[in-house]
Amino acid sequence: MSLWQNTKFKEDSMTRVKISKARKLKKKDFNRTFIKKYCKFLGYTALAIVGIIAFIHLWIGAVNQHMDKVDAIRQGVVFDD
């Protein structure tokens, strides 16, 4: 009877170890996928922010150029365009 209990305990402990290893692997895999997704999200966010900054920069530059041209026309400067 004690021999059967020992083998039963050993089988249970081995399955517990296997379960523990599987959980650790799942946790590592989850951490890797989470980090990959987080980096991807940060990359796209940074790309969107850079795009918005570039768009605003070009828009403000165009407005300034237009305002300079309007001021020149008001002052009577003739353009040779």
PDB file of N, CA and C in Angstrom:
ATOM      1  N   MET A   1       0.818  -1.190   0.000  1.00  0.00           N
ATOM      2  CA  MET A   1       0.000   0.000   0.000  1.00  0.00           C
ATOM      3  C   MET A   1       0.866   1.258   0.000  1.00  0.00           C
ATOM      4  N   SER A   2       1.908   1.269   0.768  1.00  0.00           N
ATOM      5  CA  SER A   2       2.761   2.446   0.812  1.00  0.00           C
ATOM      6  C   SER A   2       3.512   2.613  -0.514  1.00  0.00           C
ATOM      7  N   LEU A   3       3.839   1.487  -1.152  1.00  0.00           N
ATOM      8  CA  LEU A   3       4.514   1.575  -2.442  1.00  0.00           C
ATOM      9  C   LEU A   3       3.589   2.217  -3.474  1.00  0.00           C
ATOM     10  N   TRP A   4       2.336   1.836  -3.464  1.00  0.00           N
ATOM     11  CA  TRP A   4       1.372   2.421  -4.408  1.00  0.00           C
ATOM     12  C   TRP A   4       1.196   3.913  -4.133  1.00  0.00           C
ATOM     13  N   GLN A   5       1.157   4.288  -2.878  1.00  0.00           N
ATOM     14  CA  GLN A   5       1.010   5.696  -2.521  1.00  0.00           C
ATOM     15  C   GLN A   5       2.229   6.499  -2.973  1.00  0.00           C
ATOM     16  N   ASN A   6       3.406   5.914  -2.819  1.00  0.00           N
ATOM     17  CA  ASN A   6       4.611   6.618  -3.249  1.00  0.00           C
ATOM     18  C   ASN A   6       4.617   6.828  -4.761  1.00  0.00           C
ATOM     19  N   THR A   7       4.261   5.809  -5.500  1.00  0.00           N
ATOM     20  CA  THR A   7       4.248   5.965  -6.965  1.00  0.00           C
ATOM     21  C   THR A   7       3.159   6.950  -7.372  1.00  0.00           C
ATOM     22  N   LYS A   8       2.035   6.887  -6.687  1.00  0.00           N
ATOM     23  CA  LYS A   8       0.958   7.829  -6.979  1.00  0.00           C
ATOM     24  C   LYS A   8       1.433   9.253  -6.694  1.00  0.00           C
ATOM     25  N   PHE A   9       2.128   9.446  -5.592  1.00  0.00           N
ATOM     26  CA  PHE A   9       2.624  10.771  -5.239  1.00  0.00           C
ATOM     27  C   PHE A   9       3.650  11.247  -6.264  1.00  0.00           C
ATOM     28  N   LYS A  10       4.523  10.345  -6.693  1.00  0.00           N
ATOM     29  CA  LYS A  10       5.531  10.709  -7.677  1.00  0.00           C
ATOM     30  C   LYS A  10       4.875  11.097  -8.997  1.00  0.00           C
ATOM     31  N   GLU A  11       3.858  10.366  -9.397  1.00  0.00           N
ATOM     32  CA  GLU A  11       3.155  10.713 -10.629  1.00  0.00           C
ATOM     33  C   GLU A  11       2.501  12.091 -10.497  1.00  0.00           C
ATOM     34  N   ASP A  12       1.877  12.346  -9.353  1.00  0.00           N
ATOM     35  CA  ASP A  12       1.247  13.646  -9.137  1.00  0.00           C
ATOM     36  C   ASP A  12       2.279  14.763  -9.136  1.00  0.00           C
ATOM     37  N   SER A  13       3.412  14.518  -8.473  1.00  0.00           N
ATOM     38  CA  SER A  13       4.420  15.564  -8.415  1.00  0.00           C
ATOM     39  C   SER A  13       5.005  15.822  -9.804  1.00  0.00           C
ATOM     40  N   MET A  14       5.136  14.789 -10.606  1.00  0.00           N
ATOM     41  CA  MET A  14       5.653  15.001 -11.957  1.00  0.00           C
ATOM     42  C   MET A  14       4.655  15.802 -12.787  1.00  0.00           C
ATOM     43  N   THR A  15       3.392  15.513 -12.651  1.00  0.00           N
ATOM     44  CA  THR A  15       2.412  16.276 -13.414  1.00  0.00           C
ATOM     45  C   THR A  15       2.363  17.713 -12.912  1.00  0.00           C
ATOM     46  N   ARG A  16       2.548  17.900 -11.624  1.00  0.00           N
ATOM     47  CA  ARG A  16       2.579  19.267 -11.092  1.00  0.00           C
ATOM     48  C   ARG A  16       3.767  20.029 -11.655  1.00  0.00           C
ATOM     49  N   VAL A  17       4.899  19.355 -11.736  1.00  0.00           N
ATOM     50  CA  VAL A  17       6.084  19.994 -12.311  1.00  0.00           C
ATOM     51  C   VAL A  17       5.834  20.333 -13.768  1.00  0.00           C
ATOM     52  N   LYS A  18       5.232  19.395 -14.491  1.00  0.00           N
ATOM     53  CA  LYS A  18       4.927  19.643 -15.903  1.00  0.00           C
ATOM     54  C   LYS A  18       3.963  20.817 -16.046  1.00  0.00           C
ATOM     55  N   ILE A  19       2.965  20.838 -15.187  1.00  0.00           N
ATOM     56  CA  ILE A  19       1.999  21.946 -15.228  1.00  0.00           C
ATOM     57  C   ILE A  19       2.708  23.256 -14.910  1.00  0.00           C
ATOM     58  N   SER A  20       3.571  23.219 -13.926  1.00  0.00           N
ATOM     59  CA  SER A  20       4.306  24.433 -13.553  1.00  0.00           C
ATOM     60  C   SER A  20       5.178  24.907 -14.709  1.00  0.00           C
ATOM     61  N   LYS A  21       5.869  23.977 -15.387  1.00  0.00           N
ATOM     62  CA  LYS A  21       6.702  24.352 -16.533  1.00  0.00           C
ATOM     63  C   LYS A  21       5.851  24.901 -17.662  1.00  0.00           C
ATOM     64  N   ALA A  22       4.706  24.286 -17.884  1.00  0.00           N
ATOM     65  CA  ALA A  22       3.818  24.764 -18.941  1.00  0.00           C
ATOM     66  C   ALA A  22       3.320  26.171 -18.633  1.00  0.00           C
ATOM     67  N   ARG A  23       3.005  26.415 -17.374  1.00  0.00           N
ATOM     68  CA  ARG A  23       2.565  27.765 -16.987  1.00  0.00           C
ATOM     69  C   ARG A  23       3.673  28.787 -17.188  1.00  0.00           C
ATOM     70  N   LYS A  24       4.901  28.409 -16.825  1.00  0.00           N
ATOM     71  CA  LYS A  24       6.024  29.318 -17.012  1.00  0.00           C
ATOM     72  C   LYS A  24       6.229  29.616 -18.490  1.00  0.00           C
ATOM     73  N   LEU A  25       6.117  28.579 -19.327  1.00  0.00           N
ATOM     74  CA  LEU A  25       6.274  28.789 -20.763  1.00  0.00           C
ATOM     75  C   LEU A  25       5.165  29.691 -21.294  1.00  0.00           C
ATOM     76  N   LYS A  26       3.934  29.446 -20.834  1.00  0.00           N
ATOM     77  CA  LYS A  26       2.831  30.301 -21.265  1.00  0.00           C
ATOM     78  C   LYS A  26       3.064  31.739 -20.830  1.00  0.00           C
ATOM     79  N   LYS A  27       3.571  31.906 -19.603  1.00  0.00           N
ATOM     80  CA  LYS A  27       3.833  33.251 -19.095  1.00  0.00           C
ATOM     81  C   LYS A  27       4.925  33.930 -19.916  1.00  0.00           C
ATOM     82  N   LYS A  28       5.996  33.188 -20.240  1.00  0.00           N
ATOM     83  CA  LYS A  28       7.067  33.757 -21.057  1.00  0.00           C
ATOM     84  C   LYS A  28       6.540  34.111 -22.442  1.00  0.00           C
ATOM     85  N   ASP A  29       5.746  33.201 -23.005  1.00  0.00           N
ATOM     86  CA  ASP A  29       5.184  33.457 -24.332  1.00  0.00           C
ATOM     87  C   ASP A  29       4.266  34.671 -24.294  1.00  0.00           C
ATOM     88  N   PHE A  30       3.449  34.771 -23.250  1.00  0.00           N
ATOM     89  CA  PHE A  30       2.566  35.930 -23.100  1.00  0.00           C
ATOM     90  C   PHE A  30       3.382  37.212 -22.980  1.00  0.00           C
ATOM     91  N   ASN A  31       4.443  37.174 -22.177  1.00  0.00           N
ATOM     92  CA  ASN A  31       5.286  38.359 -22.016  1.00  0.00           C
ATOM     93  C   ASN A  31       5.904  38.768 -23.341  1.00  0.00           C
ATOM     94  N   ARG A  32       6.384  37.787 -24.117  1.00  0.00           N
ATOM     95  CA  ARG A  32       6.976  38.104 -25.415  1.00  0.00           C
ATOM     96  C   ARG A  32       5.948  38.726 -26.346  1.00  0.00           C
ATOM     97  N   THR A  33       4.769  38.121 -26.432  1.00  0.00           N
ATOM     98  CA  THR A  33       3.754  38.657 -27.334  1.00  0.00           C
ATOM     99  C   THR A  33       3.276  40.017 -26.853  1.00  0.00           C
ATOM    100  N   PHE A  34       3.163  40.195 -25.546  1.00  0.00           N
ATOM    101  CA  PHE A  34       2.735  41.490 -25.018  1.00  0.00           C
ATOM    102  C   PHE A  34       3.756  42.566 -25.351  1.00  0.00           C
ATOM    103  N   ILE A  35       5.040  42.246 -25.169  1.00  0.00           N
ATOM    104  CA  ILE A  35       6.090  43.223 -25.477  1.00  0.00           C
ATOM    105  C   ILE A  35       6.096  43.535 -26.968  1.00  0.00           C
ATOM    106  N   LYS A  36       5.919  42.521 -27.803  1.00  0.00           N
ATOM    107  CA  LYS A  36       5.878  42.758 -29.251  1.00  0.00           C
ATOM    108  C   LYS A  36       4.703  43.660 -29.617  1.00  0.00           C
ATOM    109  N   LYS A  37       3.538  43.368 -29.057  1.00  0.00           N
ATOM    110  CA  LYS A  37       2.365  44.192 -29.352  1.00  0.00           C
ATOM    111  C   LYS A  37       2.535  45.612 -28.826  1.00  0.00           C
ATOM    112  N   TYR A  38       3.131  45.750 -27.652  1.00  0.00           N
ATOM    113  CA  TYR A  38       3.347  47.070 -27.069  1.00  0.00           C
ATOM    114  C   TYR A  38       4.325  47.883 -27.913  1.00  0.00           C
ATOM    115  N   CYS A  39       5.400  47.239 -28.360  1.00  0.00           N
ATOM    116  CA  CYS A  39       6.378  47.937 -29.222  1.00  0.00           C
ATOM    117  C   CYS A  39       5.736  48.323 -30.553  1.00  0.00           C
ATOM    118  N   LYS A  40       4.913  47.437 -31.085  1.00  0.00           N
ATOM    119  CA  LYS A  40       4.227  47.750 -32.341  1.00  0.00           C
ATOM    120  C   LYS A  40       3.295  48.946 -32.145  1.00  0.00           C
ATOM    121  N   PHE A  41       2.571  48.957 -31.038  1.00  0.00           N
ATOM    122  CA  PHE A  41       1.680  50.070 -30.733  1.00  0.00           C
ATOM    123  C   PHE A  41       2.465  51.371 -30.582  1.00  0.00           C
ATOM    124  N   LEU A  42       3.590  51.317 -29.865  1.00  0.00           N
ATOM    125  CA  LEU A  42       4.414  52.517 -29.695  1.00  0.00           C
ATOM    126  C   LEU A  42       4.978  52.988 -31.029  1.00  0.00           C
ATOM    127  N   GLY A  43       5.358  52.047 -31.888  1.00  0.00           N
ATOM    128  CA  GLY A  43       5.889  52.410 -33.198  1.00  0.00           C
ATOM    129  C   GLY A  43       4.860  53.125 -34.047  1.00  0.00           C
ATOM    130  N   TYR A  44       3.661  52.560 -34.097  1.00  0.00           N
ATOM    131  CA  TYR A  44       2.601  53.198 -34.890  1.00  0.00           C
ATOM    132  C   TYR A  44       2.196  54.545 -34.294  1.00  0.00           C
ATOM    133  N   THR A  45       2.180  54.638 -32.967  1.00  0.00           N
ATOM    134  CA  THR A  45       1.848  55.902 -32.317  1.00  0.00           C
ATOM    135  C   THR A  45       2.897  56.961 -32.643  1.00  0.00           C
ATOM    136  N   ALA A  46       4.164  56.579 -32.563  1.00  0.00           N
ATOM    137  CA  ALA A  46       5.241  57.521 -32.886  1.00  0.00           C
ATOM    138  C   ALA A  46       5.165  57.941 -34.352  1.00  0.00           C
ATOM    139  N   LEU A  47       4.868  56.990 -35.227  1.00  0.00           N
ATOM    140  CA  LEU A  47       4.738  57.310 -36.651  1.00  0.00           C
ATOM    141  C   LEU A  47       3.587  58.282 -36.889  1.00  0.00           C
ATOM    142  N   ALA A  48       2.475  58.072 -36.219  1.00  0.00           N
ATOM    143  CA  ALA A  48       1.331  58.978 -36.360  1.00  0.00           C
ATOM    144  C   ALA A  48       1.668  60.372 -35.835  1.00  0.00           C
ATOM    145  N   ILE A  49       2.368  60.440 -34.720  1.00  0.00           N
ATOM    146  CA  ILE A  49       2.735  61.743 -34.157  1.00  0.00           C
ATOM    147  C   ILE A  49       3.689  62.478 -35.088  1.00  0.00           C
ATOM    148  N   VAL A  50       4.669  61.774 -35.645  1.00  0.00           N
ATOM    149  CA  VAL A  50       5.599  62.402 -36.585  1.00  0.00           C
ATOM    150  C   VAL A  50       4.847  62.887 -37.821  1.00  0.00           C
ATOM    151  N   GLY A  51       3.899  62.099 -38.307  1.00  0.00           N
ATOM    152  CA  GLY A  51       3.099  62.510 -39.454  1.00  0.00           C
ATOM    153  C   GLY A  51       2.282  63.758 -39.169  1.00  0.00           C
ATOM    154  N   ILE A  52       1.677  63.812 -38.003  1.00  0.00           N
ATOM    155  CA  ILE A  52       0.879  64.986 -37.626  1.00  0.00           C
ATOM    156  C   ILE A  52       1.765  66.222 -37.512  1.00  0.00           C
ATOM    157  N   ILE A  53       2.935  66.062 -36.902  1.00  0.00           N
ATOM    158  CA  ILE A  53       3.860  67.197 -36.773  1.00  0.00           C
ATOM    159  C   ILE A  53       4.303  67.685 -38.144  1.00  0.00           C
ATOM    160  N   ALA A  54       4.621  66.764 -39.043  1.00  0.00           N
ATOM    161  CA  ALA A  54       5.037  67.165 -40.391  1.00  0.00           C
ATOM    162  C   ALA A  54       3.908  67.881 -41.123  1.00  0.00           C
ATOM    163  N   PHE A  55       2.686  67.366 -41.001  1.00  0.00           N
ATOM    164  CA  PHE A  55       1.537  67.985 -41.660  1.00  0.00           C
ATOM    165  C   PHE A  55       1.313  69.413 -41.127  1.00  0.00           C
ATOM    166  N   ILE A  56       1.345  69.580 -39.814  1.00  0.00           N
ATOM    167  CA  ILE A  56       1.150  70.906 -39.219  1.00  0.00           C
ATOM    168  C   ILE A  56       2.276  71.847 -39.633  1.00  0.00           C
ATOM    169  N   HIS A  57       3.498  71.327 -39.665  1.00  0.00           N
ATOM    170  CA  HIS A  57       4.642  72.143 -40.073  1.00  0.00           C
ATOM    171  C   HIS A  57       4.458  72.653 -41.509  1.00  0.00           C
ATOM    172  N   LEU A  58       4.074  71.767 -42.411  1.00  0.00           N
ATOM    173  CA  LEU A  58       3.855  72.177 -43.803  1.00  0.00           C
ATOM    174  C   LEU A  58       2.684  73.145 -43.915  1.00  0.00           C
ATOM    175  N   TRP A  59       1.632  72.899 -43.166  1.00  0.00           N
ATOM    176  CA  TRP A  59       0.454  73.755 -43.217  1.00  0.00           C
ATOM    177  C   TRP A  59       0.783  75.173 -42.733  1.00  0.00           C
ATOM    178  N   ILE A  60       1.510  75.265 -41.613  1.00  0.00           N
ATOM    179  CA  ILE A  60       1.886  76.577 -41.082  1.00  0.00           C
ATOM    180  C   ILE A  60       2.834  77.286 -42.054  1.00  0.00           C
ATOM    181  N   GLY A  61       3.748  76.546 -42.660  1.00  0.00           N
ATOM    182  CA  GLY A  61       4.649  77.140 -43.643  1.00  0.00           C
ATOM    183  C   GLY A  61       3.893  77.688 -44.842  1.00  0.00           C
ATOM    184  N   ALA A  62       2.889  76.944 -45.304  1.00  0.00           N
ATOM    185  CA  ALA A  62       2.090  77.414 -46.441  1.00  0.00           C
ATOM    186  C   ALA A  62       1.288  78.655 -46.065  1.00  0.00           C
ATOM    187  N   VAL A  63       0.742  78.670 -44.870  1.00  0.00           N
ATOM    188  CA  VAL A  63      -0.028  79.838 -44.414  1.00  0.00           C
ATOM    189  C   VAL A  63       0.878  81.059 -44.305  1.00  0.00           C
ATOM    190  N   ASN A  64       2.075  80.880 -43.755  1.00  0.00           N
ATOM    191  CA  ASN A  64       3.010  81.999 -43.638  1.00  0.00           C
ATOM    192  C   ASN A  64       3.417  82.523 -45.015  1.00  0.00           C
ATOM    193  N   GLN A  65       3.673  81.597 -45.942  1.00  0.00           N
ATOM    194  CA  GLN A  65       4.054  82.018 -47.288  1.00  0.00           C
ATOM    195  C   GLN A  65       2.905  82.790 -47.946  1.00  0.00           C
ATOM    196  N   HIS A  66       1.694  82.309 -47.761  1.00  0.00           N
ATOM    197  CA  HIS A  66       0.528  82.990 -48.330  1.00  0.00           C
ATOM    198  C   HIS A  66       0.345  84.379 -47.705  1.00  0.00           C
ATOM    199  N   MET A  67       0.514  84.465 -46.384  1.00  0.00           N
ATOM    200  CA  MET A  67       0.365  85.758 -45.716  1.00  0.00           C
ATOM    201  C   MET A  67       1.438  86.747 -46.173  1.00  0.00           C
ATOM    202  N   ASP A  68       2.668  86.260 -46.391  1.00  0.00           N
ATOM    203  CA  ASP A  68       3.722  87.138 -46.908  1.00  0.00           C
ATOM    204  C   ASP A  68       3.358  87.655 -48.288  1.00  0.00           C
ATOM    205  N   LYS A  69       2.795  86.770 -49.112  1.00  0.00           N
ATOM    206  CA  LYS A  69       2.401  87.174 -50.460  1.00  0.00           C
ATOM    207  C   LYS A  69       1.249  88.190 -50.400  1.00  0.00           C
ATOM    208  N   VAL A  70       0.290  87.977 -49.527  1.00  0.00           N
ATOM    209  CA  VAL A  70      -0.837  88.906 -49.376  1.00  0.00           C
ATOM    210  C   VAL A  70      -0.332  90.266 -48.894  1.00  0.00           C
ATOM    211  N   ASP A  71       0.583  90.264 -47.925  1.00  0.00           N
ATOM    212  CA  ASP A  71       1.151  91.526 -47.438  1.00  0.00           C
ATOM    213  C   ASP A  71       1.907  92.249 -48.552  1.00  0.00           C
ATOM    214  N   ALA A  72       2.631  91.504 -49.372  1.00  0.00           N
ATOM    215  CA  ALA A  72       3.368  92.119 -50.480  1.00  0.00           C
ATOM    216  C   ALA A  72       2.408  92.719 -51.500  1.00  0.00           C
ATOM    217  N   ILE A  73       1.316  92.028 -51.770  1.00  0.00           N
ATOM    218  CA  ILE A  73       0.325  92.552 -52.717  1.00  0.00           C
ATOM    219  C   ILE A  73      -0.292  93.826 -52.150  1.00  0.00           C
ATOM    220  N   ARG A  74      -0.576  93.847 -50.860  1.00  0.00           N
ATOM    221  CA  ARG A  74      -1.143  95.045 -50.232  1.00  0.00           C
ATOM    222  C   ARG A  74      -0.178  96.231 -50.305  1.00  0.00           C
ATOM    223  N   GLN A  75       1.116  95.928 -50.264  1.00  0.00           N
ATOM    224  CA  GLN A  75       2.102  97.005 -50.343  1.00  0.00           C
ATOM    225  C   GLN A  75       2.393  97.404 -51.786  1.00  0.00           C
ATOM    226  N   GLY A  76       1.837  96.705 -52.737  1.00  0.00           N
ATOM    227  CA  GLY A  76       1.978  97.071 -54.140  1.00  0.00           C
ATOM    228  C   GLY A  76       3.180  96.481 -54.845  1.00  0.00           C
ATOM    229  N   VAL A  77       3.746  95.393 -54.325  1.00  0.00           N
ATOM    230  CA  VAL A  77       4.878  94.755 -54.985  1.00  0.00           C
ATOM    231  C   VAL A  77       4.362  93.953 -56.173  1.00  0.00           C
ATOM    232  N   VAL A  78       5.033  94.081 -57.317  1.00  0.00           N
ATOM    233  CA  VAL A  78       4.629  93.373 -58.528  1.00  0.00           C
ATOM    234  C   VAL A  78       5.444  92.066 -58.611  1.00  0.00           C
ATOM    235  N   PHE A  79       4.743  90.978 -58.844  1.00  0.00           N
ATOM    236  CA  PHE A  79       5.399  89.674 -58.967  1.00  0.00           C
ATOM    237  C   PHE A  79       5.578  89.342 -60.432  1.00  0.00           C
ATOM    238  N   ASP A  80       6.662  88.697 -60.744  1.00  0.00           N
ATOM    239  CA  ASP A  80       6.928  88.261 -62.111  1.00  0.00           C
ATOM    240  C   ASP A  80       6.665  86.767 -62.276  1.00  0.00           C
ATOM    241  N   ASP A  81       5.676  86.273 -61.631  1.00  0.00           N
ATOM    242  CA  ASP A  81       5.375  84.827 -61.693  1.00  0.00           C
ATOM    243  C   ASP A  81       4.994  84.398 -63.055  1.00  0.00           C
TER     244      ASP A  81
END
